[in-house]
Amino acid sequence: MVAAPEEHITSRSHHSTHQRQLMTGLGGRVAVPSSTMRGNERTGYVCPISSKLNKVERGLAQADKSHRFQDLYHLLCKREWIEEALRHVLNNDGSQTPGVDGISWKDFNDAEKSDCENEKFRRQFIDELQAELKTHTFKPSPVRRVEIPKPGTSKTRPLGIPPVKDRTVQMVLKMALEPIGETDFYYFSNGFRPGRSTMDCIQPLYQLCGTKAGYRW
């Protein structure tokens, strides 16, 4: 999907030139949906115009569900988007574990190297990934498989760990597609959505099982 020509990367609804400028982050920092900031992160950084893009994409997707967004692939190639996606990936505790390429959070924050050296490594990483996306030569790497213990038992379960580069591309895709896809969910759909949990499923049960509602366990 990522390596496909950009005319093949589309989603619902079409947008105007002004709206497309908001999506590409013109006139400020990268535009990132605020919902992507949720999760296990080390910092509370929020992109300055993230809420604006979220509002624009959601509004466009809700306005006419028969239309489609066009030319979303160029968002994957924007350096600001890649930088922000990498920031999210490295802020997650999972970045401590390397994939098949051996790269992890430590390579970007090596205590034995100077800040200049770490920044140079980060810039080179972004440059290479951006070039691969622009030339449509990016190819996902194999997932590193490890066995982790199951709590309370002596058994293990398999866990796939993709490289940091692949996780970064996945995050860029999430940043672009999540606000659009969110408009298709029902309000009571809580699975694998930003800011939702099992407690959101349980909460309505307290109301339905109240004395006024008449429901009983």
N, C-alpha and C. Protein backbone atom coordinates (compact mmCIF):
# COMPACT_ATOMS: atom_id res chain seq x y z
N MET A 1 0.83 -1.20 0.00
CA MET A 1 0.00 0.00 0.00
C MET A 1 0.87 1.26 0.00
N VAL A 2 1.93 1.26 0.84
CA VAL A 2 2.75 2.45 0.98
C VAL A 2 3.53 2.75 -0.28
N ALA A 3 3.98 1.71 -0.98
CA ALA A 3 4.82 1.91 -2.14
C ALA A 3 4.03 2.14 -3.42
N ALA A 4 2.71 2.19 -3.33
CA ALA A 4 1.88 2.35 -4.51
C ALA A 4 1.93 3.79 -5.00
N PRO A 5 1.65 4.02 -6.29
CA PRO A 5 1.59 5.39 -6.79
C PRO A 5 0.58 6.20 -6.02
N GLU A 6 0.88 7.50 -5.83
CA GLU A 6 0.06 8.29 -4.94
C GLU A 6 -1.38 8.45 -5.41
N GLU A 7 -1.65 8.29 -6.71
CA GLU A 7 -3.03 8.41 -7.15
C GLU A 7 -3.88 7.23 -6.67
N HIS A 8 -3.21 6.16 -6.20
CA HIS A 8 -3.93 5.00 -5.70
C HIS A 8 -4.19 5.09 -4.20
N ILE A 9 -3.56 6.06 -3.54
CA ILE A 9 -3.76 6.21 -2.11
C ILE A 9 -4.82 7.27 -1.89
N THR A 10 -6.05 6.83 -1.72
CA THR A 10 -7.15 7.76 -1.54
C THR A 10 -8.04 7.29 -0.41
N SER A 11 -8.86 8.20 0.08
CA SER A 11 -9.87 7.86 1.06
C SER A 11 -11.08 8.70 0.76
N ARG A 12 -12.09 8.67 1.63
CA ARG A 12 -13.34 9.31 1.32
C ARG A 12 -13.23 10.82 1.27
N SER A 13 -14.10 11.43 0.44
CA SER A 13 -14.34 12.87 0.34
C SER A 13 -13.21 13.63 -0.34
N HIS A 14 -13.60 14.67 -1.11
CA HIS A 14 -12.65 15.54 -1.78
C HIS A 14 -12.57 16.84 -1.02
N HIS A 15 -11.39 17.53 -1.07
CA HIS A 15 -11.25 18.75 -0.32
C HIS A 15 -10.71 19.86 -1.21
N SER A 16 -10.94 21.11 -0.78
CA SER A 16 -10.53 22.27 -1.55
C SER A 16 -9.04 22.54 -1.37
N THR A 17 -8.52 23.53 -2.14
CA THR A 17 -7.10 23.88 -2.03
C THR A 17 -6.77 24.40 -0.64
N HIS A 18 -7.63 25.25 -0.09
CA HIS A 18 -7.39 25.78 1.25
C HIS A 18 -7.38 24.66 2.29
N GLN A 19 -8.31 23.75 2.18
CA GLN A 19 -8.38 22.64 3.13
C GLN A 19 -7.17 21.72 2.97
N ARG A 20 -6.71 21.56 1.73
CA ARG A 20 -5.54 20.72 1.49
C ARG A 20 -4.30 21.36 2.10
N GLN A 21 -4.23 22.71 2.10
CA GLN A 21 -3.11 23.39 2.72
C GLN A 21 -3.08 23.13 4.22
N LEU A 22 -4.25 23.12 4.84
CA LEU A 22 -4.31 22.82 6.26
C LEU A 22 -3.81 21.41 6.53
N MET A 23 -4.15 20.48 5.64
CA MET A 23 -3.76 19.10 5.84
C MET A 23 -2.26 18.90 5.67
N THR A 24 -1.64 19.69 4.81
CA THR A 24 -0.22 19.51 4.56
C THR A 24 0.64 20.30 5.52
N GLY A 25 0.01 21.03 6.44
CA GLY A 25 0.77 21.69 7.49
C GLY A 25 1.39 23.00 7.04
N LEU A 26 0.88 23.68 6.01
CA LEU A 26 1.44 24.93 5.56
C LEU A 26 1.20 26.02 6.60
N GLY A 27 2.20 26.88 6.77
CA GLY A 27 2.05 28.01 7.68
C GLY A 27 2.25 27.65 9.13
N GLY A 28 2.83 26.52 9.45
CA GLY A 28 3.07 26.18 10.84
C GLY A 28 3.68 24.80 10.95
N ARG A 29 3.60 24.24 12.15
CA ARG A 29 4.13 22.91 12.38
C ARG A 29 3.27 21.88 11.67
N VAL A 30 3.73 20.65 11.68
CA VAL A 30 2.99 19.58 11.02
C VAL A 30 1.62 19.43 11.63
N ALA A 31 0.64 19.15 10.77
CA ALA A 31 -0.73 18.96 11.24
C ALA A 31 -0.94 17.51 11.59
N VAL A 32 -1.15 17.20 12.86
CA VAL A 32 -1.29 15.83 13.32
C VAL A 32 -2.56 15.70 14.14
N PRO A 33 -3.40 14.71 13.87
CA PRO A 33 -4.60 14.53 14.68
C PRO A 33 -4.25 14.40 16.15
N SER A 34 -4.96 15.13 16.99
CA SER A 34 -4.66 15.11 18.41
C SER A 34 -4.87 13.74 19.01
N SER A 35 -5.72 12.91 18.41
CA SER A 35 -5.98 11.59 18.96
C SER A 35 -4.76 10.71 18.90
N THR A 36 -3.79 11.02 18.00
CA THR A 36 -2.60 10.18 17.91
C THR A 36 -1.67 10.40 19.09
N MET A 37 -1.93 11.42 19.90
CA MET A 37 -1.09 11.67 21.05
C MET A 37 -1.44 10.77 22.22
N ARG A 38 -2.55 10.04 22.14
CA ARG A 38 -2.95 9.18 23.23
C ARG A 38 -2.07 7.95 23.26
N GLY A 39 -1.99 7.32 24.44
CA GLY A 39 -1.21 6.09 24.53
C GLY A 39 -0.09 6.25 25.54
N ASN A 40 0.82 5.30 25.54
CA ASN A 40 1.91 5.27 26.51
C ASN A 40 3.06 6.11 25.97
N GLU A 41 3.17 7.35 26.40
CA GLU A 41 4.19 8.26 25.89
C GLU A 41 4.97 8.87 27.04
N ARG A 42 6.20 9.28 26.73
CA ARG A 42 7.06 9.87 27.76
C ARG A 42 6.88 11.37 27.87
N THR A 43 6.32 12.00 26.85
CA THR A 43 6.15 13.44 26.88
C THR A 43 4.72 13.81 26.58
N GLY A 44 4.34 15.03 26.93
CA GLY A 44 2.98 15.50 26.69
C GLY A 44 2.91 16.45 25.51
N TYR A 45 3.87 16.37 24.59
CA TYR A 45 3.90 17.28 23.46
C TYR A 45 2.66 17.11 22.58
N VAL A 46 2.07 18.22 22.20
CA VAL A 46 0.93 18.21 21.30
C VAL A 46 1.21 19.19 20.17
N CYS A 47 1.02 18.75 18.93
CA CYS A 47 1.26 19.60 17.78
C CYS A 47 0.35 20.82 17.81
N PRO A 48 0.88 22.03 17.56
CA PRO A 48 0.10 23.26 17.67
C PRO A 48 -1.19 23.28 16.85
N ILE A 49 -1.19 22.73 15.62
CA ILE A 49 -2.40 22.81 14.81
C ILE A 49 -3.03 21.43 14.61
N SER A 50 -2.74 20.51 15.54
CA SER A 50 -3.28 19.15 15.40
C SER A 50 -4.81 19.15 15.45
N SER A 51 -5.37 19.92 16.37
CA SER A 51 -6.82 19.93 16.50
C SER A 51 -7.48 20.52 15.26
N LYS A 52 -6.79 21.45 14.58
CA LYS A 52 -7.36 22.06 13.38
C LYS A 52 -7.48 21.03 12.26
N LEU A 53 -6.43 20.22 12.05
CA LEU A 53 -6.50 19.20 11.01
C LEU A 53 -7.56 18.16 11.34
N ASN A 54 -7.60 17.75 12.61
CA ASN A 54 -8.59 16.78 13.04
C ASN A 54 -9.99 17.28 12.71
N LYS A 55 -10.26 18.55 13.02
CA LYS A 55 -11.57 19.13 12.77
C LYS A 55 -11.87 19.21 11.27
N VAL A 56 -10.85 19.59 10.47
CA VAL A 56 -11.03 19.71 9.02
C VAL A 56 -11.34 18.36 8.40
N GLU A 57 -10.53 17.35 8.72
CA GLU A 57 -10.72 16.03 8.12
C GLU A 57 -12.07 15.43 8.53
N ARG A 58 -12.39 15.53 9.82
CA ARG A 58 -13.66 14.98 10.28
C ARG A 58 -14.84 15.69 9.61
N GLY A 59 -14.74 17.03 9.52
CA GLY A 59 -15.83 17.79 8.91
C GLY A 59 -16.03 17.43 7.45
N LEU A 60 -14.93 17.27 6.72
CA LEU A 60 -15.02 16.92 5.30
C LEU A 60 -15.60 15.52 5.11
N ALA A 61 -15.15 14.58 5.95
CA ALA A 61 -15.62 13.21 5.83
C ALA A 61 -17.10 13.09 6.18
N GLN A 62 -17.56 13.92 7.13
CA GLN A 62 -18.96 13.87 7.53
C GLN A 62 -19.86 14.58 6.53
N ALA A 63 -19.31 15.58 5.83
CA ALA A 63 -20.13 16.39 4.93
C ALA A 63 -20.72 15.59 3.79
N ASP A 64 -19.92 14.74 3.17
CA ASP A 64 -20.40 13.97 2.02
C ASP A 64 -19.66 12.65 1.97
N LYS A 65 -20.29 11.60 2.45
CA LYS A 65 -19.63 10.30 2.54
C LYS A 65 -19.50 9.60 1.19
N SER A 66 -20.08 10.18 0.16
CA SER A 66 -19.94 9.58 -1.17
C SER A 66 -18.69 10.08 -1.88
N HIS A 67 -18.07 11.15 -1.37
CA HIS A 67 -16.86 11.68 -1.97
C HIS A 67 -15.63 11.01 -1.37
N ARG A 68 -14.47 11.29 -1.97
CA ARG A 68 -13.24 10.67 -1.50
C ARG A 68 -12.14 11.73 -1.40
N PHE A 69 -11.27 11.57 -0.40
CA PHE A 69 -10.06 12.38 -0.36
C PHE A 69 -9.14 11.91 -1.47
N GLN A 70 -8.44 12.84 -2.10
CA GLN A 70 -7.50 12.51 -3.16
C GLN A 70 -6.08 12.92 -2.74
N ASP A 71 -5.09 12.24 -3.31
CA ASP A 71 -3.70 12.62 -3.12
C ASP A 71 -3.30 12.65 -1.65
N LEU A 72 -3.57 11.57 -0.93
CA LEU A 72 -3.13 11.48 0.46
C LEU A 72 -1.69 11.01 0.57
N TYR A 73 -1.18 10.41 -0.48
CA TYR A 73 0.17 9.83 -0.40
C TYR A 73 1.23 10.91 -0.15
N HIS A 74 1.01 12.11 -0.67
CA HIS A 74 2.02 13.15 -0.51
C HIS A 74 2.23 13.51 0.96
N LEU A 75 1.23 13.25 1.80
CA LEU A 75 1.38 13.51 3.24
C LEU A 75 2.44 12.60 3.85
N LEU A 76 2.54 11.36 3.33
CA LEU A 76 3.52 10.42 3.85
C LEU A 76 4.94 10.87 3.56
N CYS A 77 5.10 11.66 2.51
CA CYS A 77 6.43 12.07 2.07
C CYS A 77 6.89 13.39 2.70
N LYS A 78 6.01 14.07 3.39
CA LYS A 78 6.38 15.35 3.98
C LYS A 78 7.28 15.14 5.19
N ARG A 79 8.38 15.88 5.22
CA ARG A 79 9.35 15.70 6.28
C ARG A 79 8.75 15.97 7.66
N GLU A 80 7.91 17.01 7.75
CA GLU A 80 7.31 17.34 9.04
C GLU A 80 6.47 16.20 9.58
N TRP A 81 5.75 15.52 8.69
CA TRP A 81 4.92 14.39 9.11
C TRP A 81 5.79 13.23 9.58
N ILE A 82 6.88 12.97 8.86
CA ILE A 82 7.77 11.87 9.24
C ILE A 82 8.43 12.18 10.58
N GLU A 83 8.85 13.42 10.78
CA GLU A 83 9.46 13.81 12.05
C GLU A 83 8.49 13.61 13.20
N GLU A 84 7.24 14.02 13.01
CA GLU A 84 6.26 13.89 14.08
C GLU A 84 5.92 12.42 14.33
N ALA A 85 5.82 11.64 13.28
CA ALA A 85 5.55 10.21 13.44
C ALA A 85 6.68 9.52 14.20
N LEU A 86 7.92 9.87 13.85
CA LEU A 86 9.07 9.29 14.55
C LEU A 86 9.06 9.69 16.02
N ARG A 87 8.67 10.92 16.30
CA ARG A 87 8.58 11.37 17.69
C ARG A 87 7.60 10.50 18.48
N HIS A 88 6.44 10.21 17.88
CA HIS A 88 5.45 9.35 18.53
C HIS A 88 6.01 7.96 18.78
N VAL A 89 6.67 7.41 17.77
CA VAL A 89 7.20 6.05 17.88
C VAL A 89 8.24 5.97 18.99
N LEU A 90 9.15 6.93 19.04
CA LEU A 90 10.22 6.91 20.04
C LEU A 90 9.71 7.23 21.43
N ASN A 91 8.56 7.90 21.54
CA ASN A 91 7.97 8.19 22.85
C ASN A 91 7.25 6.99 23.44
N ASN A 92 7.05 5.96 22.64
CA ASN A 92 6.38 4.75 23.11
C ASN A 92 7.41 3.80 23.71
N ASP A 93 7.04 3.13 24.80
CA ASP A 93 7.97 2.22 25.45
C ASP A 93 8.41 1.08 24.54
N GLY A 94 7.60 0.75 23.54
CA GLY A 94 7.97 -0.32 22.62
C GLY A 94 9.20 -0.01 21.80
N SER A 95 9.57 1.27 21.70
CA SER A 95 10.74 1.64 20.91
C SER A 95 12.04 1.19 21.56
N GLN A 96 11.96 0.76 22.82
CA GLN A 96 13.15 0.25 23.50
C GLN A 96 13.58 -1.09 22.93
N THR A 97 12.65 -1.79 22.29
CA THR A 97 12.94 -3.11 21.74
C THR A 97 13.19 -3.01 20.24
N PRO A 98 14.36 -3.44 19.76
CA PRO A 98 14.67 -3.32 18.33
C PRO A 98 13.98 -4.37 17.49
N GLY A 99 13.80 -4.05 16.20
CA GLY A 99 13.29 -5.02 15.24
C GLY A 99 14.44 -5.78 14.60
N VAL A 100 14.22 -6.30 13.40
CA VAL A 100 15.25 -7.10 12.74
C VAL A 100 16.46 -6.27 12.34
N ASP A 101 16.31 -4.94 12.22
CA ASP A 101 17.43 -4.10 11.84
C ASP A 101 18.29 -3.69 13.03
N GLY A 102 17.86 -4.04 14.24
CA GLY A 102 18.64 -3.74 15.43
C GLY A 102 18.55 -2.32 15.92
N ILE A 103 17.75 -1.46 15.28
CA ILE A 103 17.63 -0.06 15.67
C ILE A 103 16.54 0.09 16.73
N SER A 104 16.84 0.85 17.77
CA SER A 104 15.87 1.08 18.84
C SER A 104 15.99 2.52 19.33
N TRP A 105 15.26 2.86 20.39
CA TRP A 105 15.29 4.20 20.98
C TRP A 105 16.71 4.63 21.34
N LYS A 106 17.52 3.69 21.77
CA LYS A 106 18.88 4.01 22.20
C LYS A 106 19.71 4.60 21.08
N ASP A 107 19.51 4.16 19.85
CA ASP A 107 20.29 4.68 18.73
C ASP A 107 20.02 6.16 18.46
N PHE A 108 18.85 6.63 18.84
CA PHE A 108 18.51 8.03 18.66
C PHE A 108 18.86 8.87 19.89
N ASN A 109 19.13 8.19 21.00
CA ASN A 109 19.43 8.89 22.26
C ASN A 109 20.59 8.20 22.97
N ASP A 110 21.66 7.96 22.25
CA ASP A 110 22.82 7.25 22.79
C ASP A 110 23.57 8.14 23.78
N ALA A 111 23.63 7.69 25.04
CA ALA A 111 24.29 8.49 26.08
C ALA A 111 25.78 8.60 25.86
N GLU A 112 26.36 7.67 25.10
CA GLU A 112 27.79 7.69 24.85
C GLU A 112 28.18 8.61 23.69
N LYS A 113 27.16 9.16 23.00
CA LYS A 113 27.42 10.07 21.90
C LYS A 113 26.94 11.48 22.25
N SER A 114 27.46 12.45 21.52
CA SER A 114 27.06 13.84 21.76
C SER A 114 25.67 14.10 21.17
N ASP A 115 25.06 15.19 21.58
CA ASP A 115 23.76 15.56 21.05
C ASP A 115 23.82 15.77 19.54
N CYS A 116 24.93 16.30 19.07
CA CYS A 116 25.09 16.54 17.63
C CYS A 116 25.11 15.23 16.86
N GLU A 117 25.78 14.22 17.43
CA GLU A 117 25.85 12.92 16.77
C GLU A 117 24.49 12.24 16.75
N ASN A 118 23.76 12.35 17.87
CA ASN A 118 22.42 11.76 17.91
C ASN A 118 21.48 12.46 16.94
N GLU A 119 21.59 13.79 16.85
CA GLU A 119 20.75 14.54 15.92
C GLU A 119 21.11 14.20 14.48
N LYS A 120 22.39 13.99 14.21
CA LYS A 120 22.81 13.61 12.86
C LYS A 120 22.23 12.26 12.48
N PHE A 121 22.21 11.32 13.42
CA PHE A 121 21.63 10.00 13.15
C PHE A 121 20.14 10.13 12.86
N ARG A 122 19.46 10.98 13.63
CA ARG A 122 18.02 11.18 13.43
C ARG A 122 17.74 11.78 12.05
N ARG A 123 18.51 12.81 11.68
CA ARG A 123 18.31 13.45 10.38
C ARG A 123 18.58 12.47 9.23
N GLN A 124 19.63 11.67 9.38
CA GLN A 124 19.94 10.69 8.34
C GLN A 124 18.83 9.65 8.21
N PHE A 125 18.29 9.22 9.35
CA PHE A 125 17.19 8.25 9.35
C PHE A 125 15.98 8.81 8.61
N ILE A 126 15.63 10.06 8.90
CA ILE A 126 14.48 10.70 8.27
C ILE A 126 14.74 10.93 6.78
N ASP A 127 15.96 11.37 6.45
CA ASP A 127 16.31 11.60 5.04
C ASP A 127 16.14 10.33 4.21
N GLU A 128 16.64 9.22 4.73
CA GLU A 128 16.57 7.95 3.99
C GLU A 128 15.13 7.48 3.84
N LEU A 129 14.35 7.59 4.91
CA LEU A 129 12.96 7.15 4.85
C LEU A 129 12.15 8.04 3.90
N GLN A 130 12.36 9.34 3.96
CA GLN A 130 11.65 10.26 3.07
C GLN A 130 11.99 9.97 1.62
N ALA A 131 13.25 9.70 1.32
CA ALA A 131 13.67 9.39 -0.05
C ALA A 131 13.01 8.11 -0.55
N GLU A 132 12.92 7.10 0.32
CA GLU A 132 12.28 5.83 -0.07
C GLU A 132 10.80 6.03 -0.36
N LEU A 133 10.14 6.85 0.43
CA LEU A 133 8.72 7.10 0.22
C LEU A 133 8.48 7.90 -1.06
N LYS A 134 9.32 8.89 -1.30
CA LYS A 134 9.16 9.73 -2.49
C LYS A 134 9.40 8.95 -3.77
N THR A 135 10.35 8.02 -3.74
CA THR A 135 10.69 7.24 -4.94
C THR A 135 9.91 5.93 -5.02
N HIS A 136 9.00 5.73 -4.07
CA HIS A 136 8.16 4.51 -4.04
C HIS A 136 9.01 3.24 -3.93
N THR A 137 10.12 3.32 -3.22
CA THR A 137 10.99 2.16 -3.05
C THR A 137 10.93 1.59 -1.63
N PHE A 138 10.10 2.18 -0.78
CA PHE A 138 9.98 1.66 0.59
C PHE A 138 9.34 0.28 0.58
N LYS A 139 9.96 -0.64 1.32
CA LYS A 139 9.42 -1.98 1.48
C LYS A 139 9.50 -2.36 2.96
N PRO A 140 8.38 -2.78 3.54
CA PRO A 140 8.42 -3.20 4.95
C PRO A 140 9.37 -4.36 5.16
N SER A 141 10.04 -4.35 6.30
CA SER A 141 10.97 -5.42 6.65
C SER A 141 10.23 -6.55 7.37
N PRO A 142 10.84 -7.72 7.44
CA PRO A 142 10.22 -8.81 8.21
C PRO A 142 10.06 -8.42 9.67
N VAL A 143 9.06 -8.97 10.31
CA VAL A 143 8.79 -8.69 11.72
C VAL A 143 9.60 -9.64 12.58
N ARG A 144 10.26 -9.10 13.56
CA ARG A 144 11.03 -9.93 14.49
C ARG A 144 10.08 -10.60 15.48
N ARG A 145 10.15 -11.91 15.55
CA ARG A 145 9.24 -12.65 16.42
C ARG A 145 9.95 -13.07 17.70
N VAL A 146 9.31 -12.76 18.81
CA VAL A 146 9.83 -13.16 20.12
C VAL A 146 8.71 -13.81 20.91
N GLU A 147 9.09 -14.65 21.86
CA GLU A 147 8.13 -15.30 22.73
C GLU A 147 8.14 -14.59 24.09
N ILE A 148 6.98 -14.13 24.53
CA ILE A 148 6.89 -13.47 25.82
C ILE A 148 6.01 -14.30 26.75
N PRO A 149 6.29 -14.28 28.05
CA PRO A 149 5.53 -15.11 28.99
C PRO A 149 4.10 -14.63 29.16
N LYS A 150 3.20 -15.59 29.37
CA LYS A 150 1.82 -15.27 29.70
C LYS A 150 1.71 -15.13 31.21
N PRO A 151 1.12 -14.04 31.69
CA PRO A 151 1.03 -13.82 33.13
C PRO A 151 0.28 -14.96 33.83
N GLY A 152 0.85 -15.44 34.94
CA GLY A 152 0.20 -16.46 35.74
C GLY A 152 0.36 -17.88 35.24
N THR A 153 1.08 -18.05 34.12
CA THR A 153 1.29 -19.40 33.58
C THR A 153 2.75 -19.55 33.16
N SER A 154 3.09 -20.79 32.82
CA SER A 154 4.44 -21.06 32.34
C SER A 154 4.51 -21.03 30.81
N LYS A 155 3.40 -20.69 30.19
CA LYS A 155 3.33 -20.65 28.73
C LYS A 155 3.80 -19.30 28.20
N THR A 156 4.06 -19.28 26.92
CA THR A 156 4.45 -18.04 26.24
C THR A 156 3.54 -17.79 25.05
N ARG A 157 3.57 -16.57 24.56
CA ARG A 157 2.82 -16.24 23.35
C ARG A 157 3.73 -15.46 22.40
N PRO A 158 3.53 -15.60 21.09
CA PRO A 158 4.40 -14.91 20.14
C PRO A 158 4.06 -13.42 20.04
N LEU A 159 5.09 -12.62 19.82
CA LEU A 159 4.91 -11.18 19.65
C LEU A 159 5.76 -10.72 18.48
N GLY A 160 5.15 -10.00 17.55
CA GLY A 160 5.87 -9.49 16.39
C GLY A 160 6.34 -8.07 16.63
N ILE A 161 7.62 -7.81 16.39
CA ILE A 161 8.19 -6.49 16.61
C ILE A 161 8.71 -5.93 15.29
N PRO A 162 8.02 -4.97 14.70
CA PRO A 162 8.48 -4.36 13.44
C PRO A 162 9.61 -3.38 13.71
N PRO A 163 10.44 -3.09 12.71
CA PRO A 163 11.52 -2.11 12.88
C PRO A 163 10.96 -0.70 13.12
N VAL A 164 11.78 0.19 13.64
CA VAL A 164 11.38 1.57 13.90
C VAL A 164 10.93 2.24 12.61
N LYS A 165 11.60 1.95 11.51
CA LYS A 165 11.24 2.58 10.23
C LYS A 165 9.82 2.20 9.83
N ASP A 166 9.48 0.92 9.95
CA ASP A 166 8.13 0.48 9.59
C ASP A 166 7.09 1.07 10.53
N ARG A 167 7.43 1.16 11.81
CA ARG A 167 6.50 1.74 12.78
C ARG A 167 6.26 3.22 12.48
N THR A 168 7.29 3.89 11.99
CA THR A 168 7.14 5.31 11.65
C THR A 168 6.19 5.49 10.48
N VAL A 169 6.31 4.64 9.46
CA VAL A 169 5.41 4.72 8.31
C VAL A 169 3.99 4.39 8.73
N GLN A 170 3.84 3.40 9.59
CA GLN A 170 2.51 3.05 10.09
C GLN A 170 1.89 4.23 10.83
N MET A 171 2.70 4.97 11.59
CA MET A 171 2.19 6.11 12.34
C MET A 171 1.78 7.25 11.40
N VAL A 172 2.55 7.48 10.33
CA VAL A 172 2.18 8.51 9.37
C VAL A 172 0.83 8.17 8.73
N LEU A 173 0.65 6.90 8.37
CA LEU A 173 -0.63 6.46 7.80
C LEU A 173 -1.76 6.68 8.80
N LYS A 174 -1.51 6.36 10.05
CA LYS A 174 -2.51 6.54 11.10
C LYS A 174 -2.88 8.02 11.24
N MET A 175 -1.88 8.87 11.21
CA MET A 175 -2.12 10.30 11.34
C MET A 175 -3.00 10.84 10.23
N ALA A 176 -2.84 10.29 9.02
CA ALA A 176 -3.60 10.78 7.87
C ALA A 176 -4.99 10.17 7.79
N LEU A 177 -5.13 8.90 8.16
CA LEU A 177 -6.38 8.19 7.92
C LEU A 177 -7.32 8.14 9.13
N GLU A 178 -6.77 8.22 10.32
CA GLU A 178 -7.61 8.04 11.51
C GLU A 178 -8.75 9.06 11.62
N PRO A 179 -8.50 10.36 11.43
CA PRO A 179 -9.62 11.31 11.54
C PRO A 179 -10.72 11.06 10.52
N ILE A 180 -10.35 10.53 9.35
CA ILE A 180 -11.35 10.24 8.32
C ILE A 180 -12.15 9.00 8.71
N GLY A 181 -11.45 7.95 9.11
CA GLY A 181 -12.12 6.71 9.48
C GLY A 181 -12.99 6.84 10.71
N GLU A 182 -12.61 7.74 11.62
CA GLU A 182 -13.39 7.91 12.85
C GLU A 182 -14.83 8.32 12.57
N THR A 183 -15.06 9.00 11.45
CA THR A 183 -16.42 9.48 11.16
C THR A 183 -17.36 8.34 10.78
N ASP A 184 -16.82 7.17 10.45
CA ASP A 184 -17.66 6.05 10.03
C ASP A 184 -18.10 5.18 11.20
N PHE A 185 -17.53 5.39 12.39
CA PHE A 185 -17.88 4.55 13.53
C PHE A 185 -19.14 5.06 14.22
N TYR A 186 -19.88 4.13 14.79
CA TYR A 186 -21.00 4.51 15.63
C TYR A 186 -20.48 5.01 16.97
N TYR A 187 -21.30 5.81 17.65
CA TYR A 187 -20.85 6.37 18.92
C TYR A 187 -20.60 5.28 19.96
N PHE A 188 -21.26 4.12 19.80
CA PHE A 188 -21.09 3.05 20.77
C PHE A 188 -20.02 2.05 20.37
N SER A 189 -19.27 2.33 19.30
CA SER A 189 -18.14 1.47 18.91
C SER A 189 -16.90 1.92 19.68
N ASN A 190 -16.36 1.04 20.50
CA ASN A 190 -15.26 1.42 21.38
C ASN A 190 -13.97 0.64 21.15
N GLY A 191 -13.99 -0.36 20.29
CA GLY A 191 -12.81 -1.19 20.09
C GLY A 191 -11.73 -0.53 19.25
N PHE A 192 -10.51 -0.52 19.77
CA PHE A 192 -9.32 -0.04 19.05
C PHE A 192 -9.52 1.38 18.50
N ARG A 193 -10.08 2.25 19.32
CA ARG A 193 -10.28 3.64 18.93
C ARG A 193 -9.58 4.55 19.94
N PRO A 194 -9.08 5.71 19.49
CA PRO A 194 -8.36 6.60 20.41
C PRO A 194 -9.25 7.12 21.52
N GLY A 195 -8.73 7.07 22.74
CA GLY A 195 -9.47 7.59 23.88
C GLY A 195 -10.60 6.70 24.36
N ARG A 196 -10.67 5.46 23.85
CA ARG A 196 -11.74 4.54 24.26
C ARG A 196 -11.13 3.37 25.02
N SER A 197 -11.95 2.74 25.86
CA SER A 197 -11.50 1.59 26.63
C SER A 197 -12.69 0.70 26.94
N THR A 198 -12.41 -0.41 27.63
CA THR A 198 -13.48 -1.32 28.01
C THR A 198 -14.49 -0.65 28.95
N MET A 199 -14.03 0.34 29.71
CA MET A 199 -14.93 1.03 30.63
C MET A 199 -16.01 1.80 29.87
N ASP A 200 -15.71 2.21 28.63
CA ASP A 200 -16.73 2.89 27.83
C ASP A 200 -17.84 1.93 27.43
N CYS A 201 -17.53 0.63 27.37
CA CYS A 201 -18.56 -0.37 27.08
C CYS A 201 -19.38 -0.69 28.33
N ILE A 202 -18.73 -0.65 29.48
CA ILE A 202 -19.40 -1.01 30.72
C ILE A 202 -20.32 0.09 31.22
N GLN A 203 -19.93 1.34 30.99
CA GLN A 203 -20.68 2.46 31.55
C GLN A 203 -22.17 2.45 31.20
N PRO A 204 -22.55 2.17 29.94
CA PRO A 204 -24.00 2.15 29.63
C PRO A 204 -24.77 1.08 30.39
N LEU A 205 -24.06 0.00 30.80
CA LEU A 205 -24.75 -1.07 31.53
C LEU A 205 -25.27 -0.58 32.88
N TYR A 206 -24.53 0.34 33.51
CA TYR A 206 -24.99 0.88 34.79
C TYR A 206 -26.31 1.64 34.61
N GLN A 207 -26.44 2.31 33.48
CA GLN A 207 -27.68 3.05 33.22
C GLN A 207 -28.82 2.09 32.87
N LEU A 208 -28.53 1.07 32.02
CA LEU A 208 -29.57 0.14 31.61
C LEU A 208 -30.05 -0.74 32.76
N CYS A 209 -29.15 -1.00 33.71
CA CYS A 209 -29.50 -1.89 34.82
C CYS A 209 -30.02 -1.12 36.04
N GLY A 210 -30.25 0.17 35.89
CA GLY A 210 -30.78 0.95 37.00
C GLY A 210 -32.25 0.64 37.21
N THR A 211 -32.77 1.06 38.32
CA THR A 211 -34.16 0.78 38.65
C THR A 211 -35.14 1.47 37.69
N LYS A 212 -34.76 2.65 37.20
CA LYS A 212 -35.66 3.38 36.32
C LYS A 212 -35.77 2.71 34.97
N ALA A 213 -34.67 2.13 34.49
CA ALA A 213 -34.68 1.51 33.18
C ALA A 213 -35.45 0.19 33.18
N GLY A 214 -35.45 -0.48 34.32
CA GLY A 214 -36.21 -1.72 34.41
C GLY A 214 -35.45 -2.95 34.03
N TYR A 215 -34.19 -2.84 33.64
CA TYR A 215 -33.39 -4.00 33.28
C TYR A 215 -32.79 -4.63 34.52
N ARG A 216 -32.58 -5.94 34.49
CA ARG A 216 -31.97 -6.66 35.61
C ARG A 216 -30.89 -7.60 35.07
N TRP A 217 -29.92 -7.91 35.95
CA TRP A 217 -28.88 -8.86 35.55
C TRP A 217 -29.52 -10.23 35.37
